[in-house]
C-alpha atoms as a PDB file:
ATOM      1  CA  MET A   1       0.000   0.000   0.000  1.00  0.00           C
ATOM      2  CA  ILE A   2       1.452   3.339  -1.089  1.00  0.00           C
ATOM      3  CA  ARG A   3       1.239   6.071   1.544  1.00  0.00           C
ATOM      4  CA  LEU A   4       1.579   9.631   0.323  1.00  0.00           C
ATOM      5  CA  ARG A   5       3.323  12.073   2.640  1.00  0.00           C
ATOM      6  CA  PRO A   6       3.241  15.877   2.235  1.00  0.00           C
ATOM      7  CA  GLY A   7       6.419  17.525   1.085  1.00  0.00           C
ATOM      8  CA  ARG A   8       8.395  20.150   2.952  1.00  0.00           C
ATOM      9  CA  ILE A   9       6.739  23.062   1.185  1.00  0.00           C
ATOM     10  CA  ALA A  10       3.244  21.738   1.920  1.00  0.00           C
ATOM     11  CA  THR A  11       4.194  21.133   5.545  1.00  0.00           C
ATOM     12  CA  LEU A  12       5.619  24.641   5.852  1.00  0.00           C
ATOM     13  CA  LEU A  13       2.515  26.221   4.318  1.00  0.00           C
ATOM     14  CA  THR A  14       0.278  24.198   6.620  1.00  0.00           C
ATOM     15  CA  ALA A  15       2.284  25.315   9.644  1.00  0.00           C
ATOM     16  CA  LEU A  16       2.050  28.969   8.568  1.00  0.00           C
ATOM     17  CA  VAL A  17      -1.719  28.748   8.081  1.00  0.00           C
ATOM     18  CA  ALA A  18      -2.122  27.062  11.471  1.00  0.00           C
ATOM     19  CA  LEU A  19       0.027  29.738  13.107  1.00  0.00           C
ATOM     20  CA  PHE A  20      -2.039  32.478  11.471  1.00  0.00           C
ATOM     21  CA  LEU A  21      -5.261  30.917  12.761  1.00  0.00           C
ATOM     22  CA  LEU A  22      -3.817  30.512  16.253  1.00  0.00           C
ATOM     23  CA  MET A  23      -2.467  34.057  16.554  1.00  0.00           C
ATOM     24  CA  PRO A  24      -5.622  35.425  18.307  1.00  0.00           C
ATOM     25  CA  LEU A  25      -5.304  32.651  20.894  1.00  0.00           C
ATOM     26  CA  ILE A  26      -1.591  33.232  21.359  1.00  0.00           C
ATOM     27  CA  ALA A  27      -2.208  36.959  21.942  1.00  0.00           C
ATOM     28  CA  VAL A  28      -4.296  36.091  25.005  1.00  0.00           C
ATOM     29  CA  ILE A  29      -1.267  34.639  26.820  1.00  0.00           C
ATOM     30  CA  PRO A  30       0.664  37.886  27.454  1.00  0.00           C
ATOM     31  CA  VAL A  31      -2.571  39.722  28.282  1.00  0.00           C
ATOM     32  CA  SER A  32      -3.212  37.268  31.124  1.00  0.00           C
ATOM     33  CA  PHE A  33       0.057  38.356  32.795  1.00  0.00           C
ATOM     34  CA  THR A  34      -0.711  42.070  32.826  1.00  0.00           C
ATOM     35  CA  SER A  35      -0.418  43.881  36.139  1.00  0.00           C
ATOM     36  CA  ARG A  36      -3.256  46.260  35.334  1.00  0.00           C
ATOM     37  CA  ARG A  37      -6.894  45.924  36.308  1.00  0.00           C
ATOM     38  CA  TYR A  38      -8.145  45.923  32.732  1.00  0.00           C
ATOM     39  CA  LEU A  39      -7.354  44.014  29.555  1.00  0.00           C
ATOM     40  CA  SER A  40      -4.049  45.243  28.159  1.00  0.00           C
ATOM     41  CA  LEU A  41      -0.641  44.043  27.144  1.00  0.00           C
ATOM     42  CA  PRO A  42       1.998  44.088  29.905  1.00  0.00           C
ATOM     43  CA  ASP A  43       4.022  47.318  30.012  1.00  0.00           C
ATOM     44  CA  GLY A  44       7.184  45.583  31.170  1.00  0.00           C
ATOM     45  CA  LYS A  45       5.627  44.355  34.421  1.00  0.00           C
ATOM     46  CA  TYR A  46       4.278  40.839  34.610  1.00  0.00           C
ATOM     47  CA  SER A  47       1.973  39.605  37.329  1.00  0.00           C
ATOM     48  CA  LEU A  48       0.087  36.459  38.359  1.00  0.00           C
ATOM     49  CA  ARG A  49      -2.591  38.433  40.163  1.00  0.00           C
ATOM     50  CA  HIS A  50      -5.325  37.423  37.748  1.00  0.00           C
ATOM     51  CA  TYR A  51      -4.486  33.730  38.081  1.00  0.00           C
ATOM     52  CA  ARG A  52      -4.624  34.127  41.849  1.00  0.00           C
ATOM     53  CA  ALA A  53      -7.984  35.873  41.464  1.00  0.00           C
ATOM     54  CA  LEU A  54      -9.378  32.812  39.714  1.00  0.00           C
ATOM     55  CA  LEU A  55      -8.351  30.621  42.652  1.00  0.00           C
ATOM     56  CA  GLU A  56      -9.357  33.026  45.399  1.00  0.00           C
ATOM     57  CA  ASP A  57     -12.714  34.165  44.021  1.00  0.00           C
ATOM     58  CA  PRO A  58     -15.333  31.472  44.816  1.00  0.00           C
ATOM     59  CA  ALA A  59     -17.638  32.840  42.106  1.00  0.00           C
ATOM     60  CA  TRP A  60     -15.404  31.433  39.370  1.00  0.00           C
ATOM     61  CA  LEU A  61     -15.321  28.007  41.014  1.00  0.00           C
ATOM     62  CA  ASP A  62     -19.099  28.033  41.475  1.00  0.00           C
ATOM     63  CA  SER A  63     -19.605  28.900  37.814  1.00  0.00           C
ATOM     64  CA  PHE A  64     -17.182  26.163  36.780  1.00  0.00           C
ATOM     65  CA  LEU A  65     -19.004  23.556  38.858  1.00  0.00           C
ATOM     66  CA  THR A  66     -22.352  24.789  37.539  1.00  0.00           C
ATOM     67  CA  SER A  67     -21.188  24.387  33.940  1.00  0.00           C
ATOM     68  CA  VAL A  68     -19.872  20.901  34.645  1.00  0.00           C
ATOM     69  CA  GLN A  69     -23.099  19.886  36.377  1.00  0.00           C
ATOM     70  CA  VAL A  70     -25.301  21.324  33.645  1.00  0.00           C
ATOM     71  CA  GLY A  71     -23.161  19.804  30.897  1.00  0.00           C
ATOM     72  CA  LEU A  72     -23.103  16.297  32.385  1.00  0.00           C
ATOM     73  CA  ILE A  73     -26.808  16.096  33.230  1.00  0.00           C
ATOM     74  CA  ALA A  74     -28.020  17.774  30.038  1.00  0.00           C
ATOM     75  CA  SER A  75     -25.735  15.599  27.881  1.00  0.00           C
ATOM     76  CA  LEU A  76     -26.827  12.402  29.635  1.00  0.00           C
ATOM     77  CA  LEU A  77     -30.521  13.233  29.229  1.00  0.00           C
ATOM     78  CA  ALA A  78     -30.013  14.314  25.623  1.00  0.00           C
ATOM     79  CA  VAL A  79     -28.220  11.071  24.722  1.00  0.00           C
ATOM     80  CA  VAL A  80     -30.904   8.968  26.429  1.00  0.00           C
ATOM     81  CA  LEU A  81     -33.726  10.744  24.592  1.00  0.00           C
ATOM     82  CA  ALA A  82     -31.878  10.747  21.285  1.00  0.00           C
ATOM     83  CA  THR A  83     -31.060   7.045  21.635  1.00  0.00           C
ATOM     84  CA  ALA A  84     -34.690   6.147  22.327  1.00  0.00           C
ATOM     85  CA  PHE A  85     -35.853   8.192  19.335  1.00  0.00           C
ATOM     86  CA  CYS A  86     -33.229   6.856  16.926  1.00  0.00           C
ATOM     87  CA  ILE A  87     -33.713   3.228  17.923  1.00  0.00           C
ATOM     88  CA  GLY A  88     -37.477   3.611  17.518  1.00  0.00           C
ATOM     89  CA  ILE A  89     -37.018   5.076  14.041  1.00  0.00           C
ATOM     90  CA  TRP A  90     -34.444   2.420  13.128  1.00  0.00           C
ATOM     91  CA  MET A  91     -36.518  -0.550  14.310  1.00  0.00           C
ATOM     92  CA  LEU A  92     -40.036   0.523  13.322  1.00  0.00           C
ATOM     93  CA  ARG A  93     -39.347   2.607  10.191  1.00  0.00           C
ATOM     94  CA  PRO A  94     -42.597   4.581  10.394  1.00  0.00           C
ATOM     95  CA  LYS A  95     -43.970   6.279   7.293  1.00  0.00           C
ATOM     96  CA  LEU A  96     -43.548   9.739   8.810  1.00  0.00           C
ATOM     97  CA  SER A  97     -39.997   9.100  10.003  1.00  0.00           C
ATOM     98  CA  GLY A  98     -38.677  11.959   7.865  1.00  0.00           C
ATOM     99  CA  VAL A  99     -41.192  14.404   9.318  1.00  0.00           C
ATOM    100  CA  MET A 100     -40.494  13.207  12.851  1.00  0.00           C
ATOM    101  CA  THR A 101     -36.735  13.538  12.364  1.00  0.00           C
ATOM    102  CA  GLY A 102     -37.125  17.015  10.896  1.00  0.00           C
ATOM    103  CA  PHE A 103     -39.211  18.073  13.889  1.00  0.00           C
ATOM    104  CA  VAL A 104     -36.541  16.826  16.296  1.00  0.00           C
ATOM    105  CA  LEU A 105     -33.824  18.671  14.357  1.00  0.00           C
ATOM    106  CA  LEU A 106     -35.682  21.991  14.439  1.00  0.00           C
ATOM    107  CA  PRO A 107     -33.551  23.526  17.252  1.00  0.00           C
ATOM    108  CA  MET A 108     -30.490  22.948  15.084  1.00  0.00           C
ATOM    109  CA  VAL A 109     -31.809  24.926  12.102  1.00  0.00           C
ATOM    110  CA  ALA A 110     -33.940  27.523  13.889  1.00  0.00           C
ATOM    111  CA  PRO A 111     -32.326  30.913  14.612  1.00  0.00           C
ATOM    112  CA  PRO A 112     -30.796  30.869  18.119  1.00  0.00           C
ATOM    113  CA  VAL A 113     -32.718  33.981  19.172  1.00  0.00           C
ATOM    114  CA  VAL A 114     -36.022  32.253  18.323  1.00  0.00           C
ATOM    115  CA  SER A 115     -35.117  29.214  20.410  1.00  0.00           C
ATOM    116  CA  SER A 116     -33.879  31.433  23.231  1.00  0.00           C
ATOM    117  CA  LEU A 117     -37.068  33.488  23.347  1.00  0.00           C
ATOM    118  CA  THR A 118     -39.225  30.361  23.210  1.00  0.00           C
ATOM    119  CA  LEU A 119     -37.352  28.764  26.101  1.00  0.00           C
ATOM    120  CA  TYR A 120     -37.463  32.035  28.048  1.00  0.00           C
ATOM    121  CA  PHE A 121     -41.253  32.295  27.857  1.00  0.00           C
ATOM    122  CA  PHE A 122     -41.636  28.564  28.515  1.00  0.00           C
ATOM    123  CA  LEU A 123     -39.466  28.600  31.652  1.00  0.00           C
ATOM    124  CA  THR A 124     -41.045  31.833  32.853  1.00  0.00           C
ATOM    125  CA  ARG A 125     -44.447  30.171  32.661  1.00  0.00           C
ATOM    126  CA  LEU A 126     -43.125  27.107  34.494  1.00  0.00           C
ATOM    127  CA  SER A 127     -41.850  29.393  37.258  1.00  0.00           C
ATOM    128  CA  GLN A 128     -45.460  30.035  38.247  1.00  0.00           C
ATOM    129  CA  TRP A 129     -45.945  26.386  39.238  1.00  0.00           C
ATOM    130  CA  ASN A 130     -42.565  25.159  40.502  1.00  0.00           C
ATOM    131  CA  ASP A 131     -39.069  26.236  41.467  1.00  0.00           C
ATOM    132  CA  LEU A 132     -37.169  23.170  40.251  1.00  0.00           C
ATOM    133  CA  ILE A 133     -37.505  23.637  36.478  1.00  0.00           C
ATOM    134  CA  ALA A 134     -37.994  27.360  36.124  1.00  0.00           C
ATOM    135  CA  TYR A 135     -36.383  30.563  34.941  1.00  0.00           C
ATOM    136  CA  ASP A 136     -32.928  31.183  36.455  1.00  0.00           C
ATOM    137  CA  SER A 137     -32.773  27.734  38.056  1.00  0.00           C
ATOM    138  CA  LEU A 138     -30.396  24.836  37.569  1.00  0.00           C
ATOM    139  CA  GLY A 139     -33.189  22.631  36.266  1.00  0.00           C
ATOM    140  CA  GLY A 140     -34.280  25.304  33.820  1.00  0.00           C
ATOM    141  CA  VAL A 141     -30.772  25.704  32.411  1.00  0.00           C
ATOM    142  CA  ILE A 142     -30.409  21.931  32.082  1.00  0.00           C
ATOM    143  CA  LEU A 143     -33.723  21.728  30.218  1.00  0.00           C
ATOM    144  CA  ALA A 144     -32.779  24.590  27.893  1.00  0.00           C
ATOM    145  CA  HIS A 145     -29.372  23.085  27.098  1.00  0.00           C
ATOM    146  CA  MET A 146     -30.906  19.651  26.579  1.00  0.00           C
ATOM    147  CA  VAL A 147     -33.353  21.037  24.006  1.00  0.00           C
ATOM    148  CA  MET A 148     -30.512  22.675  22.094  1.00  0.00           C
ATOM    149  CA  ILE A 149     -28.131  19.680  22.036  1.00  0.00           C
ATOM    150  CA  VAL A 150     -30.571  16.807  21.426  1.00  0.00           C
ATOM    151  CA  PRO A 151     -30.517  17.324  17.599  1.00  0.00           C
ATOM    152  CA  TYR A 152     -26.735  16.865  17.502  1.00  0.00           C
ATOM    153  CA  ALA A 153     -27.005  13.663  19.516  1.00  0.00           C
ATOM    154  CA  VAL A 154     -29.699  12.431  17.120  1.00  0.00           C
ATOM    155  CA  VAL A 155     -27.447  13.038  14.106  1.00  0.00           C
ATOM    156  CA  VAL A 156     -24.464  11.204  15.632  1.00  0.00           C
ATOM    157  CA  ILE A 157     -26.510   8.229  16.829  1.00  0.00           C
ATOM    158  CA  MET A 158     -28.375   7.928  13.526  1.00  0.00           C
ATOM    159  CA  VAL A 159     -25.053   7.749  11.699  1.00  0.00           C
ATOM    160  CA  SER A 160     -23.938   4.976  14.051  1.00  0.00           C
ATOM    161  CA  LEU A 161     -27.176   3.054  13.544  1.00  0.00           C
ATOM    162  CA  SER A 162     -26.921   3.406   9.775  1.00  0.00           C
ATOM    163  CA  GLN A 163     -23.670   1.420   9.910  1.00  0.00           C
ATOM    164  CA  LEU A 164     -25.241  -1.397  11.964  1.00  0.00           C
ATOM    165  CA  ASP A 165     -26.221  -4.528  10.037  1.00  0.00           C
ATOM    166  CA  ARG A 166     -29.966  -4.939  10.391  1.00  0.00           C
ATOM    167  CA  ARG A 167     -29.649  -8.687   9.979  1.00  0.00           C
ATOM    168  CA  MET A 168     -28.216  -8.905  13.490  1.00  0.00           C
ATOM    169  CA  ASP A 169     -31.455  -7.528  14.908  1.00  0.00           C
ATOM    170  CA  LEU A 170     -33.537  -9.773  12.638  1.00  0.00           C
ATOM    171  CA  ALA A 171     -31.565 -12.801  13.795  1.00  0.00           C
ATOM    172  CA  ALA A 172     -32.170 -11.930  17.433  1.00  0.00           C
ATOM    173  CA  GLN A 173     -35.849 -11.401  16.703  1.00  0.00           C
ATOM    174  CA  SER A 174     -36.136 -14.758  14.922  1.00  0.00           C
ATOM    175  CA  MET A 175     -34.629 -16.462  17.962  1.00  0.00           C
ATOM    176  CA  GLY A 176     -37.391 -15.073  20.172  1.00  0.00           C
ATOM    177  CA  ALA A 177     -35.519 -12.202  21.809  1.00  0.00           C
ATOM    178  CA  SER A 178     -37.737  -9.537  23.333  1.00  0.00           C
ATOM    179  CA  VAL A 179     -37.552  -5.910  22.296  1.00  0.00           C
ATOM    180  CA  ALA A 180     -35.622  -5.019  25.460  1.00  0.00           C
ATOM    181  CA  ARG A 181     -33.155  -7.876  24.856  1.00  0.00           C
ATOM    182  CA  ARG A 182     -32.647  -6.790  21.258  1.00  0.00           C
ATOM    183  CA  VAL A 183     -32.042  -3.195  22.281  1.00  0.00           C
ATOM    184  CA  PHE A 184     -29.743  -3.795  25.254  1.00  0.00           C
ATOM    185  CA  GLY A 185     -28.096  -6.972  24.011  1.00  0.00           C
ATOM    186  CA  VAL A 186     -27.658  -6.335  20.294  1.00  0.00           C
ATOM    187  CA  ILE A 187     -28.158  -2.707  19.263  1.00  0.00           C
ATOM    188  CA  LEU A 188     -26.638  -0.658  22.088  1.00  0.00           C
ATOM    189  CA  PRO A 189     -23.390  -2.677  22.408  1.00  0.00           C
ATOM    190  CA  ASN A 190     -22.745  -2.211  18.693  1.00  0.00           C
ATOM    191  CA  VAL A 191     -23.284   1.568  18.738  1.00  0.00           C
ATOM    192  CA  ARG A 192     -21.567   2.276  22.073  1.00  0.00           C
ATOM    193  CA  PHE A 193     -18.855   4.369  20.449  1.00  0.00           C
ATOM    194  CA  GLY A 194     -21.509   6.456  18.734  1.00  0.00           C
ATOM    195  CA  LEU A 195     -23.187   6.995  22.105  1.00  0.00           C
ATOM    196  CA  LEU A 196     -19.901   8.070  23.673  1.00  0.00           C
ATOM    197  CA  GLY A 197     -19.219  10.404  20.770  1.00  0.00           C
ATOM    198  CA  ALA A 198     -22.698  11.901  21.055  1.00  0.00           C
ATOM    199  CA  PHE A 199     -22.249  12.421  24.795  1.00  0.00           C
ATOM    200  CA  PHE A 200     -18.862  14.090  24.316  1.00  0.00           C
ATOM    201  CA  LEU A 201     -20.198  16.358  21.562  1.00  0.00           C
ATOM    202  CA  CYS A 202     -23.253  17.298  23.638  1.00  0.00           C
ATOM    203  CA  PHE A 203     -21.080  18.115  26.639  1.00  0.00           C
ATOM    204  CA  LEU A 204     -18.875  20.409  24.566  1.00  0.00           C
ATOM    205  CA  LEU A 205     -21.899  22.177  23.088  1.00  0.00           C
ATOM    206  CA  SER A 206     -23.480  22.610  26.522  1.00  0.00           C
ATOM    207  CA  TRP A 207     -20.197  23.827  28.001  1.00  0.00           C
ATOM    208  CA  ASP A 208     -19.860  26.473  25.282  1.00  0.00           C
ATOM    209  CA  GLU A 209     -23.537  27.516  25.197  1.00  0.00           C
ATOM    210  CA  ILE A 210     -24.026  31.225  25.927  1.00  0.00           C
ATOM    211  CA  GLY A 211     -26.881  32.524  23.760  1.00  0.00           C
ATOM    212  CA  VAL A 212     -29.686  30.522  25.352  1.00  0.00           C
ATOM    213  CA  THR A 213     -28.088  30.823  28.791  1.00  0.00           C
ATOM    214  CA  LEU A 214     -28.292  34.614  28.636  1.00  0.00           C
ATOM    215  CA  PHE A 215     -32.046  34.391  28.105  1.00  0.00           C
ATOM    216  CA  VAL A 216     -32.904  31.783  30.746  1.00  0.00           C
ATOM    217  CA  THR A 217     -30.660  32.935  33.617  1.00  0.00           C
ATOM    218  CA  SER A 218     -30.272  36.073  35.675  1.00  0.00           C
ATOM    219  CA  VAL A 219     -28.302  36.073  38.945  1.00  0.00           C
ATOM    220  CA  ASP A 220     -28.884  32.733  40.677  1.00  0.00           C
ATOM    221  CA  THR A 221     -27.546  30.290  38.065  1.00  0.00           C
ATOM    222  CA  ILE A 222     -24.400  31.521  36.331  1.00  0.00           C
ATOM    223  CA  THR A 223     -22.432  29.182  34.089  1.00  0.00           C
ATOM    224  CA  LEU A 224     -18.782  29.739  33.261  1.00  0.00           C
ATOM    225  CA  PRO A 225     -19.384  31.208  29.756  1.00  0.00           C
ATOM    226  CA  ARG A 226     -21.981  33.566  31.209  1.00  0.00           C
ATOM    227  CA  ARG A 227     -19.588  34.741  33.917  1.00  0.00           C
ATOM    228  CA  MET A 228     -16.937  35.351  31.277  1.00  0.00           C
ATOM    229  CA  TRP A 229     -19.456  37.334  29.247  1.00  0.00           C
ATOM    230  CA  MET A 230     -20.375  39.347  32.333  1.00  0.00           C
ATOM    231  CA  GLY A 231     -16.709  40.086  32.972  1.00  0.00           C
ATOM    232  CA  LEU A 232     -16.210  41.345  29.436  1.00  0.00           C
ATOM    233  CA  ARG A 233     -19.403  43.377  29.414  1.00  0.00           C
ATOM    234  CA  ASP A 234     -19.238  44.971  32.856  1.00  0.00           C
ATOM    235  CA  ASN A 235     -15.604  45.609  33.768  1.00  0.00           C
ATOM    236  CA  VAL A 236     -13.356  43.871  31.183  1.00  0.00           C
ATOM    237  CA  ASP A 237     -11.805  41.665  33.844  1.00  0.00           C
ATOM    238  CA  PRO A 238      -8.321  40.338  32.867  1.00  0.00           C
ATOM    239  CA  SER A 239      -9.136  37.189  34.821  1.00  0.00           C
ATOM    240  CA  ILE A 240     -11.002  36.133  31.686  1.00  0.00           C
ATOM    241  CA  ALA A 241      -7.687  36.090  29.793  1.00  0.00           C
ATOM    242  CA  ALA A 242      -6.137  33.974  32.543  1.00  0.00           C
ATOM    243  CA  LEU A 243      -9.055  31.554  32.400  1.00  0.00           C
ATOM    244  CA  SER A 244      -8.789  31.408  28.612  1.00  0.00           C
ATOM    245  CA  VAL A 245      -5.108  30.462  28.890  1.00  0.00           C
ATOM    246  CA  LEU A 246      -5.947  27.667  31.323  1.00  0.00           C
ATOM    247  CA  LEU A 247      -8.650  26.329  28.994  1.00  0.00           C
ATOM    248  CA  ILE A 248      -6.254  26.487  26.054  1.00  0.00           C
ATOM    249  CA  LEU A 249      -3.682  24.517  28.056  1.00  0.00           C
ATOM    250  CA  VAL A 250      -6.245  21.850  28.943  1.00  0.00           C
ATOM    251  CA  VAL A 251      -7.424  21.462  25.345  1.00  0.00           C
ATOM    252  CA  SER A 252      -3.854  21.470  23.999  1.00  0.00           C
ATOM    253  CA  THR A 253      -2.827  18.801  26.513  1.00  0.00           C
ATOM    254  CA  VAL A 254      -5.717  16.573  25.486  1.00  0.00           C
ATOM    255  CA  ILE A 255      -4.907  17.005  21.785  1.00  0.00           C
ATOM    256  CA  ILE A 256      -1.198  16.277  22.319  1.00  0.00           C
ATOM    257  CA  LEU A 257      -1.926  13.170  24.391  1.00  0.00           C
ATOM    258  CA  ARG A 258      -4.355  11.981  21.737  1.00  0.00           C
ATOM    259  CA  ALA A 259      -1.738  12.514  19.022  1.00  0.00           C
ATOM    260  CA  ILE A 260       0.877  10.595  21.033  1.00  0.00           C
ATOM    261  CA  LEU A 261      -1.502   7.668  21.497  1.00  0.00           C
ATOM    262  CA  LEU A 262      -2.271   7.579  17.766  1.00  0.00           C
ATOM    263  CA  MET A 263       1.438   7.674  16.912  1.00  0.00           C
ATOM    264  CA  ARG A 264       2.131   4.793  19.290  1.00  0.00           C
ATOM    265  CA  ARG A 265      -0.705   2.748  17.774  1.00  0.00           C
ATOM    266  CA  GLU A 266       0.690   3.326  14.282  1.00  0.00           C
ATOM    267  CA  ALA A 267       4.176   2.364  15.455  1.00  0.00           C
ATOM    268  CA  ARG A 268       2.863  -0.865  16.997  1.00  0.00           C
ATOM    269  CA  ALA A 269       0.883  -1.648  13.836  1.00  0.00           C
ATOM    270  CA  LYS A 270       4.062  -1.388  11.763  1.00  0.00           C
END
């Protein structure tokens, strides 16, 4: 098998394009070390005060934990609902499956402001009857995020199911397996990587969600992206640059570790 490798010129051009795209991220690093109280490049004096502020201010930790909690619960619920919907479509093949799928994917294609306003009025109305799933509550934010990320989970899981051989399910059915046995013993084990991928994608989308969060929260439930937005809008807090650097380091570490694992697998395969 012939493997084509890029030449030196192509590698150099790729590196230059990547560097150009990463320049805005790289510019955040020196800003995070400024000694001033507002976003600016250091004037010869470097300080870790904004990194210390992240550790000393409990509001940042609370927002971080809120985002993690919302992301995990919303992603889990979204994957469960999307899995039930996709398996039902895959097994039953109803005549209106296209219409049903299009209805589920509406939050993906609808303008974000329309979805945000709809969820705002819906949660405001729910606030009249309960405090658990309501406006500016943890349950309300989880519900709003779940609505927005379910379509992405549906797409990923449907792709996984499309690659599953239907004859495996027919064989289990011919042997007298119940619907639950077919689902949990045949279908789910064969699409487990699709489920994990859908969960990971949903968590990232929930973690980064800011548009809907601005509409359904006020002062009681503040996620990390919302707190960053508040810092930029109200006082241009340099702690946001410090937090951005930490997030960049985490993502870069994960990417590098993933690349090392892939390189080791290729080396072992050879």
